[in-house]
Amino acid sequence: DPHRWLAETKWLCEEVKERESKEKKLRCYLVRSREQLKHFTQMKETEHESLFKQIKKQEKLLEEVHREKR
C-alpha cells in the first residue's frame, strides 16, 4: 500500500530528525562539560602551584629563623 509506505517513511524521517537533534544537543553538552572540566582542572593546578610556593616560602623563613637561633 503506497499510502502506508509514505506514512511510515514520513514517520521514520521525523524519528531520524528527532534523534539527530538529541544527538546534537548531547554533543554540545559534552563539549561544554569537557571545557568546564579543563577549566576547573587548570584552576586547581594553579591553586596547587600557589600553595606549593607558599609552603616553600614558609620553609625558607623557618630555616632562616632556625639559623638565627643558632
C-alpha atoms as a PDB file:
ATOM      1  CA  ASP A   1       0.000   0.000   0.000  1.00  0.00           C
ATOM      2  CA  PRO A   2       1.696   3.258  -1.116  1.00  0.00           C
ATOM      3  CA  HIS A   3      -0.148   5.410   1.442  1.00  0.00           C
ATOM      4  CA  ARG A   4       1.041   3.259   4.306  1.00  0.00           C
ATOM      5  CA  TRP A   5       4.587   3.237   2.906  1.00  0.00           C
ATOM      6  CA  LEU A   6       4.544   7.034   2.609  1.00  0.00           C
ATOM      7  CA  ALA A   7       3.216   7.445   6.149  1.00  0.00           C
ATOM      8  CA  GLU A   8       5.871   5.110   7.542  1.00  0.00           C
ATOM      9  CA  THR A   9       8.594   6.906   5.574  1.00  0.00           C
ATOM     10  CA  LYS A  10       7.460  10.281   6.938  1.00  0.00           C
ATOM     11  CA  TRP A  11       7.352   8.869  10.445  1.00  0.00           C
ATOM     12  CA  LEU A  12      10.852   7.431  10.073  1.00  0.00           C
ATOM     13  CA  CYS A  13      12.148  10.777   8.777  1.00  0.00           C
ATOM     14  CA  GLU A  14      10.718  12.520  11.834  1.00  0.00           C
ATOM     15  CA  GLU A  15      12.298   9.913  14.105  1.00  0.00           C
ATOM     16  CA  VAL A  16      15.680  10.433  12.438  1.00  0.00           C
ATOM     17  CA  LYS A  17      15.382  14.228  12.745  1.00  0.00           C
ATOM     18  CA  GLU A  18      14.439  13.931  16.414  1.00  0.00           C
ATOM     19  CA  ARG A  19      17.351  11.603  17.154  1.00  0.00           C
ATOM     20  CA  GLU A  20      19.786  13.851  15.280  1.00  0.00           C
ATOM     21  CA  SER A  21      18.544  16.819  17.278  1.00  0.00           C
ATOM     22  CA  LYS A  22      19.012  14.934  20.563  1.00  0.00           C
ATOM     23  CA  GLU A  23      22.479  13.797  19.484  1.00  0.00           C
ATOM     24  CA  LYS A  24      23.465  17.366  18.578  1.00  0.00           C
ATOM     25  CA  LYS A  25      22.284  18.641  21.984  1.00  0.00           C
ATOM     26  CA  LEU A  26      24.196  15.876  23.757  1.00  0.00           C
ATOM     27  CA  ARG A  27      27.355  16.626  21.769  1.00  0.00           C
ATOM     28  CA  CYS A  28      27.101  20.313  22.704  1.00  0.00           C
ATOM     29  CA  TYR A  29      26.600  19.340  26.337  1.00  0.00           C
ATOM     30  CA  LEU A  30      29.615  17.021  26.158  1.00  0.00           C
ATOM     31  CA  VAL A  31      31.812  19.757  24.655  1.00  0.00           C
ATOM     32  CA  ARG A  32      30.693  22.240  27.321  1.00  0.00           C
ATOM     33  CA  SER A  33      31.298  19.695  30.082  1.00  0.00           C
ATOM     34  CA  ARG A  34      34.789  18.941  28.784  1.00  0.00           C
ATOM     35  CA  GLU A  35      35.606  22.643  28.617  1.00  0.00           C
ATOM     36  CA  GLN A  36      34.365  23.137  32.185  1.00  0.00           C
ATOM     37  CA  LEU A  37      36.408  20.182  33.385  1.00  0.00           C
ATOM     38  CA  LYS A  38      39.501  21.538  31.649  1.00  0.00           C
ATOM     39  CA  HIS A  39      38.915  24.963  33.201  1.00  0.00           C
ATOM     40  CA  PHE A  40      38.421  23.561  36.708  1.00  0.00           C
ATOM     41  CA  THR A  41      41.492  21.360  36.326  1.00  0.00           C
ATOM     42  CA  GLN A  42      43.588  24.364  35.324  1.00  0.00           C
ATOM     43  CA  MET A  43      42.229  26.342  38.274  1.00  0.00           C
ATOM     44  CA  LYS A  44      43.137  23.524  40.671  1.00  0.00           C
ATOM     45  CA  GLU A  45      46.628  23.223  39.195  1.00  0.00           C
ATOM     46  CA  THR A  46      47.134  26.970  39.595  1.00  0.00           C
ATOM     47  CA  GLU A  47      45.887  26.784  43.165  1.00  0.00           C
ATOM     48  CA  HIS A  48      48.242  23.878  43.919  1.00  0.00           C
ATOM     49  CA  GLU A  49      51.191  25.747  42.445  1.00  0.00           C
ATOM     50  CA  SER A  50      50.379  28.782  44.552  1.00  0.00           C
ATOM     51  CA  LEU A  51      50.107  26.690  47.714  1.00  0.00           C
ATOM     52  CA  PHE A  52      53.352  24.918  46.895  1.00  0.00           C
ATOM     53  CA  LYS A  53      55.108  28.293  46.506  1.00  0.00           C
ATOM     54  CA  GLN A  54      53.700  29.428  49.845  1.00  0.00           C
ATOM     55  CA  ILE A  55      54.948  26.267  51.513  1.00  0.00           C
ATOM     56  CA  LYS A  56      58.426  26.768  50.026  1.00  0.00           C
ATOM     57  CA  LYS A  57      58.432  30.365  51.238  1.00  0.00           C
ATOM     58  CA  GLN A  58      57.410  29.264  54.743  1.00  0.00           C
ATOM     59  CA  GLU A  59      60.140  26.605  54.741  1.00  0.00           C
ATOM     60  CA  LYS A  60      62.769  29.205  53.826  1.00  0.00           C
ATOM     61  CA  LEU A  61      61.556  31.536  56.554  1.00  0.00           C
ATOM     62  CA  LEU A  62      61.625  28.689  59.049  1.00  0.00           C
ATOM     63  CA  GLU A  63      65.177  27.787  58.016  1.00  0.00           C
ATOM     64  CA  GLU A  64      66.247  31.413  58.429  1.00  0.00           C
ATOM     65  CA  VAL A  65      64.714  31.586  61.905  1.00  0.00           C
ATOM     66  CA  HIS A  66      66.462  28.318  62.770  1.00  0.00           C
ATOM     67  CA  ARG A  67      69.813  29.702  61.574  1.00  0.00           C
ATOM     68  CA  GLU A  68      69.373  32.883  63.557  1.00  0.00           C
ATOM     69  CA  LYS A  69      68.667  30.907  66.720  1.00  0.00           C
ATOM     70  CA  ARG A  70      71.961  29.033  66.375  1.00  0.00           C
END
